[in-house]
Amino acid sequence: MAGFAILTQPFGDQIDRCMTYQPSDRPLPAIVVDHPTQMVEDDVLHRRAEQIADAVERLLNDEEPENPSP
């Protein structure tokens, strides 16, 4: 894996759109976290950090990240 994207829920489909123009031999993993991520209280910021850490751990274990429902 060369990389992965971290996006918020409203932009989760953007990876598919971008990959149309820059195809890859493997799907690019995307970590989609709840929205918003800026100007939030500390507890919300910690939840977003936990979402990212959990998703990265899943990627390192060759599992798909669990993305929030739209």
PDB file of N, CA and C in Angstrom:
ATOM      1  N   MET A   1       0.843  -1.161   0.000  1.00  0.00           N
ATOM      2  CA  MET A   1       0.000   0.000   0.000  1.00  0.00           C
ATOM      3  C   MET A   1       0.895   1.231   0.000  1.00  0.00           C
ATOM      4  N   ALA A   2       0.604   2.156  -0.875  1.00  0.00           N
ATOM      5  CA  ALA A   2       1.394   3.378  -0.968  1.00  0.00           C
ATOM      6  C   ALA A   2       0.840   4.482  -0.086  1.00  0.00           C
ATOM      7  N   GLY A   3      -0.400   4.405   0.286  1.00  0.00           N
ATOM      8  CA  GLY A   3      -0.994   5.447   1.105  1.00  0.00           C
ATOM      9  C   GLY A   3      -2.455   5.175   1.347  1.00  0.00           C
ATOM     10  N   PHE A   4      -3.065   6.062   2.119  1.00  0.00           N
ATOM     11  CA  PHE A   4      -4.497   5.994   2.342  1.00  0.00           C
ATOM     12  C   PHE A   4      -5.001   7.399   2.621  1.00  0.00           C
ATOM     13  N   ALA A   5      -6.272   7.574   2.438  1.00  0.00           N
ATOM     14  CA  ALA A   5      -6.875   8.897   2.619  1.00  0.00           C
ATOM     15  C   ALA A   5      -7.683   8.926   3.906  1.00  0.00           C
ATOM     16  N   ILE A   6      -7.725  10.088   4.538  1.00  0.00           N
ATOM     17  CA  ILE A   6      -8.586  10.307   5.693  1.00  0.00           C
ATOM     18  C   ILE A   6      -9.537  11.438   5.313  1.00  0.00           C
ATOM     19  N   LEU A   7     -10.821  11.132   5.319  1.00  0.00           N
ATOM     20  CA  LEU A   7     -11.842  12.084   4.906  1.00  0.00           C
ATOM     21  C   LEU A   7     -12.954  12.143   5.945  1.00  0.00           C
ATOM     22  N   THR A   8     -13.768  13.175   5.873  1.00  0.00           N
ATOM     23  CA  THR A   8     -14.967  13.209   6.700  1.00  0.00           C
ATOM     24  C   THR A   8     -16.144  12.692   5.884  1.00  0.00           C
ATOM     25  N   GLN A   9     -17.192  12.296   6.573  1.00  0.00           N
ATOM     26  CA  GLN A   9     -18.322  11.614   5.961  1.00  0.00           C
ATOM     27  C   GLN A   9     -18.864  12.282   4.692  1.00  0.00           C
ATOM     28  N   PRO A  10     -19.048  13.588   4.634  1.00  0.00           N
ATOM     29  CA  PRO A  10     -19.616  14.153   3.403  1.00  0.00           C
ATOM     30  C   PRO A  10     -18.740  13.954   2.165  1.00  0.00           C
ATOM     31  N   PHE A  11     -17.466  13.633   2.366  1.00  0.00           N
ATOM     32  CA  PHE A  11     -16.549  13.543   1.235  1.00  0.00           C
ATOM     33  C   PHE A  11     -16.043  12.121   0.986  1.00  0.00           C
ATOM     34  N   GLY A  12     -16.691  11.141   1.568  1.00  0.00           N
ATOM     35  CA  GLY A  12     -16.244   9.761   1.459  1.00  0.00           C
ATOM     36  C   GLY A  12     -16.186   9.226   0.042  1.00  0.00           C
ATOM     37  N   ASP A  13     -17.035   9.730  -0.835  1.00  0.00           N
ATOM     38  CA  ASP A  13     -17.049   9.235  -2.212  1.00  0.00           C
ATOM     39  C   ASP A  13     -15.993   9.895  -3.099  1.00  0.00           C
ATOM     40  N   GLN A  14     -15.275  10.855  -2.578  1.00  0.00           N
ATOM     41  CA  GLN A  14     -14.299  11.589  -3.386  1.00  0.00           C
ATOM     42  C   GLN A  14     -13.136  10.724  -3.848  1.00  0.00           C
ATOM     43  N   ILE A  15     -12.787   9.710  -3.078  1.00  0.00           N
ATOM     44  CA  ILE A  15     -11.680   8.826  -3.489  1.00  0.00           C
ATOM     45  C   ILE A  15     -12.028   8.129  -4.796  1.00  0.00           C
ATOM     46  N   ASP A  16     -13.248   7.590  -4.889  1.00  0.00           N
ATOM     47  CA  ASP A  16     -13.651   6.925  -6.126  1.00  0.00           C
ATOM     48  C   ASP A  16     -13.602   7.884  -7.310  1.00  0.00           C
ATOM     49  N   ARG A  17     -14.020   9.113  -7.089  1.00  0.00           N
ATOM     50  CA  ARG A  17     -14.007  10.102  -8.167  1.00  0.00           C
ATOM     51  C   ARG A  17     -12.572  10.413  -8.601  1.00  0.00           C
ATOM     52  N   CYS A  18     -11.683  10.578  -7.638  1.00  0.00           N
ATOM     53  CA  CYS A  18     -10.284  10.886  -7.966  1.00  0.00           C
ATOM     54  C   CYS A  18      -9.599   9.723  -8.666  1.00  0.00           C
ATOM     55  N   MET A  19      -9.909   8.528  -8.242  1.00  0.00           N
ATOM     56  CA  MET A  19      -9.251   7.363  -8.817  1.00  0.00           C
ATOM     57  C   MET A  19      -9.697   7.108 -10.253  1.00  0.00           C
ATOM     58  N   THR A  20     -10.775   7.734 -10.678  1.00  0.00           N
ATOM     59  CA  THR A  20     -11.200   7.643 -12.071  1.00  0.00           C
ATOM     60  C   THR A  20     -10.128   8.224 -12.986  1.00  0.00           C
ATOM     61  N   TYR A  21      -9.503   9.300 -12.534  1.00  0.00           N
ATOM     62  CA  TYR A  21      -8.489   9.977 -13.339  1.00  0.00           C
ATOM     63  C   TYR A  21      -7.078   9.446 -13.101  1.00  0.00           C
ATOM     64  N   GLN A  22      -6.867   8.802 -11.966  1.00  0.00           N
ATOM     65  CA  GLN A  22      -5.548   8.274 -11.608  1.00  0.00           C
ATOM     66  C   GLN A  22      -5.734   6.842 -11.116  1.00  0.00           C
ATOM     67  N   PRO A  23      -6.005   5.908 -12.028  1.00  0.00           N
ATOM     68  CA  PRO A  23      -6.308   4.535 -11.605  1.00  0.00           C
ATOM     69  C   PRO A  23      -5.118   3.865 -10.909  1.00  0.00           C
ATOM     70  N   SER A  24      -5.454   2.881 -10.100  1.00  0.00           N
ATOM     71  CA  SER A  24      -4.459   2.128  -9.352  1.00  0.00           C
ATOM     72  C   SER A  24      -4.740   0.645  -9.538  1.00  0.00           C
ATOM     73  N   ASP A  25      -3.709  -0.175  -9.344  1.00  0.00           N
ATOM     74  CA  ASP A  25      -3.921  -1.616  -9.458  1.00  0.00           C
ATOM     75  C   ASP A  25      -4.640  -2.176  -8.237  1.00  0.00           C
ATOM     76  N   ARG A  26      -4.699  -1.382  -7.160  1.00  0.00           N
ATOM     77  CA  ARG A  26      -5.412  -1.781  -5.944  1.00  0.00           C
ATOM     78  C   ARG A  26      -6.274  -0.611  -5.482  1.00  0.00           C
ATOM     79  N   PRO A  27      -7.403  -0.907  -4.859  1.00  0.00           N
ATOM     80  CA  PRO A  27      -8.205   0.204  -4.325  1.00  0.00           C
ATOM     81  C   PRO A  27      -7.440   0.951  -3.231  1.00  0.00           C
ATOM     82  N   LEU A  28      -7.551   2.262  -3.230  1.00  0.00           N
ATOM     83  CA  LEU A  28      -6.912   3.075  -2.206  1.00  0.00           C
ATOM     84  C   LEU A  28      -7.784   3.042  -0.957  1.00  0.00           C
ATOM     85  N   PRO A  29      -7.246   2.569   0.161  1.00  0.00           N
ATOM     86  CA  PRO A  29      -8.045   2.542   1.382  1.00  0.00           C
ATOM     87  C   PRO A  29      -8.364   3.965   1.842  1.00  0.00           C
ATOM     88  N   ALA A  30      -9.569   4.149   2.311  1.00  0.00           N
ATOM     89  CA  ALA A  30      -9.970   5.460   2.816  1.00  0.00           C
ATOM     90  C   ALA A  30     -10.526   5.302   4.223  1.00  0.00           C
ATOM     91  N   ILE A  31     -10.067   6.150   5.102  1.00  0.00           N
ATOM     92  CA  ILE A  31     -10.605   6.222   6.457  1.00  0.00           C
ATOM     93  C   ILE A  31     -11.579   7.391   6.457  1.00  0.00           C
ATOM     94  N   VAL A  32     -12.826   7.087   6.737  1.00  0.00           N
ATOM     95  CA  VAL A  32     -13.852   8.121   6.753  1.00  0.00           C
ATOM     96  C   VAL A  32     -14.292   8.309   8.194  1.00  0.00           C
ATOM     97  N   VAL A  33     -14.103   9.515   8.715  1.00  0.00           N
ATOM     98  CA  VAL A  33     -14.481   9.811  10.098  1.00  0.00           C
ATOM     99  C   VAL A  33     -15.720  10.702  10.094  1.00  0.00           C
ATOM    100  N   ASP A  34     -16.384  10.730  11.235  1.00  0.00           N
ATOM    101  CA  ASP A  34     -17.562  11.567  11.369  1.00  0.00           C
ATOM    102  C   ASP A  34     -17.219  13.026  11.155  1.00  0.00           C
ATOM    103  N   HIS A  35     -18.207  13.780  10.762  1.00  0.00           N
ATOM    104  CA  HIS A  35     -18.052  15.209  10.519  1.00  0.00           C
ATOM    105  C   HIS A  35     -18.723  15.953  11.658  1.00  0.00           C
ATOM    106  N   PRO A  36     -18.226  17.051  12.135  1.00  0.00           N
ATOM    107  CA  PRO A  36     -17.045  17.800  11.737  1.00  0.00           C
ATOM    108  C   PRO A  36     -15.805  17.358  12.501  1.00  0.00           C
ATOM    109  N   THR A  37     -14.652  17.901  12.094  1.00  0.00           N
ATOM    110  CA  THR A  37     -13.391  17.614  12.781  1.00  0.00           C
ATOM    111  C   THR A  37     -12.706  18.880  13.263  1.00  0.00           C
ATOM    112  N   GLN A  38     -13.219  20.020  12.886  1.00  0.00           N
ATOM    113  CA  GLN A  38     -12.614  21.294  13.289  1.00  0.00           C
ATOM    114  C   GLN A  38     -13.575  22.070  14.176  1.00  0.00           C
ATOM    115  N   MET A  39     -13.000  22.892  15.046  1.00  0.00           N
ATOM    116  CA  MET A  39     -13.794  23.751  15.919  1.00  0.00           C
ATOM    117  C   MET A  39     -14.789  22.932  16.744  1.00  0.00           C
ATOM    118  N   VAL A  40     -14.301  21.825  17.316  1.00  0.00           N
ATOM    119  CA  VAL A  40     -15.143  20.938  18.121  1.00  0.00           C
ATOM    120  C   VAL A  40     -14.596  20.882  19.550  1.00  0.00           C
ATOM    121  N   GLU A  41     -15.425  20.414  20.441  1.00  0.00           N
ATOM    122  CA  GLU A  41     -15.016  20.240  21.828  1.00  0.00           C
ATOM    123  C   GLU A  41     -13.964  19.134  21.927  1.00  0.00           C
ATOM    124  N   ASP A  42     -13.240  19.120  23.028  1.00  0.00           N
ATOM    125  CA  ASP A  42     -12.175  18.126  23.217  1.00  0.00           C
ATOM    126  C   ASP A  42     -12.681  16.692  23.125  1.00  0.00           C
ATOM    127  N   ASP A  43     -13.861  16.406  23.688  1.00  0.00           N
ATOM    128  CA  ASP A  43     -14.361  15.031  23.659  1.00  0.00           C
ATOM    129  C   ASP A  43     -14.647  14.579  22.225  1.00  0.00           C
ATOM    130  N   VAL A  44     -15.130  15.476  21.379  1.00  0.00           N
ATOM    131  CA  VAL A  44     -15.373  15.133  19.978  1.00  0.00           C
ATOM    132  C   VAL A  44     -14.045  14.905  19.270  1.00  0.00           C
ATOM    133  N   LEU A  45     -13.081  15.742  19.535  1.00  0.00           N
ATOM    134  CA  LEU A  45     -11.762  15.592  18.934  1.00  0.00           C
ATOM    135  C   LEU A  45     -11.128  14.260  19.319  1.00  0.00           C
ATOM    136  N   HIS A  46     -11.298  13.857  20.571  1.00  0.00           N
ATOM    137  CA  HIS A  46     -10.771  12.561  21.018  1.00  0.00           C
ATOM    138  C   HIS A  46     -11.482  11.406  20.309  1.00  0.00           C
ATOM    139  N   ARG A  47     -12.791  11.532  20.093  1.00  0.00           N
ATOM    140  CA  ARG A  47     -13.517  10.476  19.367  1.00  0.00           C
ATOM    141  C   ARG A  47     -13.023  10.364  17.936  1.00  0.00           C
ATOM    142  N   ARG A  48     -12.752  11.494  17.297  1.00  0.00           N
ATOM    143  CA  ARG A  48     -12.227  11.448  15.927  1.00  0.00           C
ATOM    144  C   ARG A  48     -10.846  10.790  15.911  1.00  0.00           C
ATOM    145  N   ALA A  49     -10.012  11.115  16.883  1.00  0.00           N
ATOM    146  CA  ALA A  49      -8.679  10.505  16.969  1.00  0.00           C
ATOM    147  C   ALA A  49      -8.792   8.997  17.173  1.00  0.00           C
ATOM    148  N   GLU A  50      -9.753   8.578  17.992  1.00  0.00           N
ATOM    149  CA  GLU A  50      -9.959   7.139  18.198  1.00  0.00           C
ATOM    150  C   GLU A  50     -10.421   6.472  16.907  1.00  0.00           C
ATOM    151  N   GLN A  51     -11.288   7.139  16.149  1.00  0.00           N
ATOM    152  CA  GLN A  51     -11.727   6.578  14.870  1.00  0.00           C
ATOM    153  C   GLN A  51     -10.536   6.374  13.938  1.00  0.00           C
ATOM    154  N   ILE A  52      -9.672   7.370  13.864  1.00  0.00           N
ATOM    155  CA  ILE A  52      -8.502   7.273  12.983  1.00  0.00           C
ATOM    156  C   ILE A  52      -7.558   6.177  13.460  1.00  0.00           C
ATOM    157  N   ALA A  53      -7.273   6.133  14.757  1.00  0.00           N
ATOM    158  CA  ALA A  53      -6.360   5.117  15.292  1.00  0.00           C
ATOM    159  C   ALA A  53      -6.909   3.711  15.073  1.00  0.00           C
ATOM    160  N   ASP A  54      -8.202   3.518  15.309  1.00  0.00           N
ATOM    161  CA  ASP A  54      -8.815   2.199  15.095  1.00  0.00           C
ATOM    162  C   ASP A  54      -8.742   1.796  13.626  1.00  0.00           C
ATOM    163  N   ALA A  55      -9.003   2.754  12.737  1.00  0.00           N
ATOM    164  CA  ALA A  55      -8.971   2.451  11.306  1.00  0.00           C
ATOM    165  C   ALA A  55      -7.554   2.110  10.840  1.00  0.00           C
ATOM    166  N   VAL A  56      -6.566   2.842  11.316  1.00  0.00           N
ATOM    167  CA  VAL A  56      -5.178   2.556  10.943  1.00  0.00           C
ATOM    168  C   VAL A  56      -4.767   1.182  11.454  1.00  0.00           C
ATOM    169  N   GLU A  57      -5.176   0.853  12.655  1.00  0.00           N
ATOM    170  CA  GLU A  57      -4.866  -0.478  13.193  1.00  0.00           C
ATOM    171  C   GLU A  57      -5.482  -1.571  12.329  1.00  0.00           C
ATOM    172  N   ARG A  58      -6.714  -1.344  11.881  1.00  0.00           N
ATOM    173  CA  ARG A  58      -7.349  -2.329  11.002  1.00  0.00           C
ATOM    174  C   ARG A  58      -6.575  -2.455   9.684  1.00  0.00           C
ATOM    175  N   LEU A  59      -6.132  -1.322   9.122  1.00  0.00           N
ATOM    176  CA  LEU A  59      -5.349  -1.370   7.883  1.00  0.00           C
ATOM    177  C   LEU A  59      -4.049  -2.142   8.078  1.00  0.00           C
ATOM    178  N   LEU A  60      -3.394  -1.930   9.212  1.00  0.00           N
ATOM    179  CA  LEU A  60      -2.140  -2.646   9.485  1.00  0.00           C
ATOM    180  C   LEU A  60      -2.362  -4.141   9.640  1.00  0.00           C
ATOM    181  N   ASN A  61      -3.590  -4.521  10.007  1.00  0.00           N
ATOM    182  CA  ASN A  61      -3.942  -5.939  10.130  1.00  0.00           C
ATOM    183  C   ASN A  61      -4.584  -6.472   8.855  1.00  0.00           C
ATOM    184  N   ASP A  62      -4.417  -5.729   7.737  1.00  0.00           N
ATOM    185  CA  ASP A  62      -4.983  -6.107   6.431  1.00  0.00           C
ATOM    186  C   ASP A  62      -6.496  -6.265   6.471  1.00  0.00           C
ATOM    187  N   GLU A  63      -7.152  -5.413   7.247  1.00  0.00           N
ATOM    188  CA  GLU A  63      -8.611  -5.393   7.313  1.00  0.00           C
ATOM    189  C   GLU A  63      -9.089  -4.056   6.764  1.00  0.00           C
ATOM    190  N   GLU A  64     -10.347  -4.012   6.343  1.00  0.00           N
ATOM    191  CA  GLU A  64     -10.932  -2.758   5.864  1.00  0.00           C
ATOM    192  C   GLU A  64     -11.309  -1.889   7.059  1.00  0.00           C
ATOM    193  N   PRO A  65     -11.096  -0.585   6.959  1.00  0.00           N
ATOM    194  CA  PRO A  65     -11.552   0.303   8.031  1.00  0.00           C
ATOM    195  C   PRO A  65     -13.069   0.273   8.140  1.00  0.00           C
ATOM    196  N   GLU A  66     -13.580   0.395   9.358  1.00  0.00           N
ATOM    197  CA  GLU A  66     -15.025   0.503   9.558  1.00  0.00           C
ATOM    198  C   GLU A  66     -15.388   1.964   9.421  1.00  0.00           C
ATOM    199  N   ASN A  67     -16.101   2.305   8.374  1.00  0.00           N
ATOM    200  CA  ASN A  67     -16.465   3.687   8.121  1.00  0.00           C
ATOM    201  C   ASN A  67     -17.871   3.957   8.623  1.00  0.00           C
ATOM    202  N   PRO A  68     -18.121   5.155   9.138  1.00  0.00           N
ATOM    203  CA  PRO A  68     -19.457   5.475   9.625  1.00  0.00           C
ATOM    204  C   PRO A  68     -20.483   5.466   8.505  1.00  0.00           C
ATOM    205  N   SER A  69     -21.716   5.199   8.846  1.00  0.00           N
ATOM    206  CA  SER A  69     -22.802   5.207   7.863  1.00  0.00           C
ATOM    207  C   SER A  69     -23.128   6.637   7.465  1.00  0.00           C
ATOM    208  N   PRO A  70     -23.533   6.814   6.200  1.00  0.00           N
ATOM    209  CA  PRO A  70     -23.898   8.178   5.769  1.00  0.00           C
ATOM    210  C   PRO A  70     -25.142   8.673   6.470  1.00  0.00           C
TER     211      PRO A  70
END
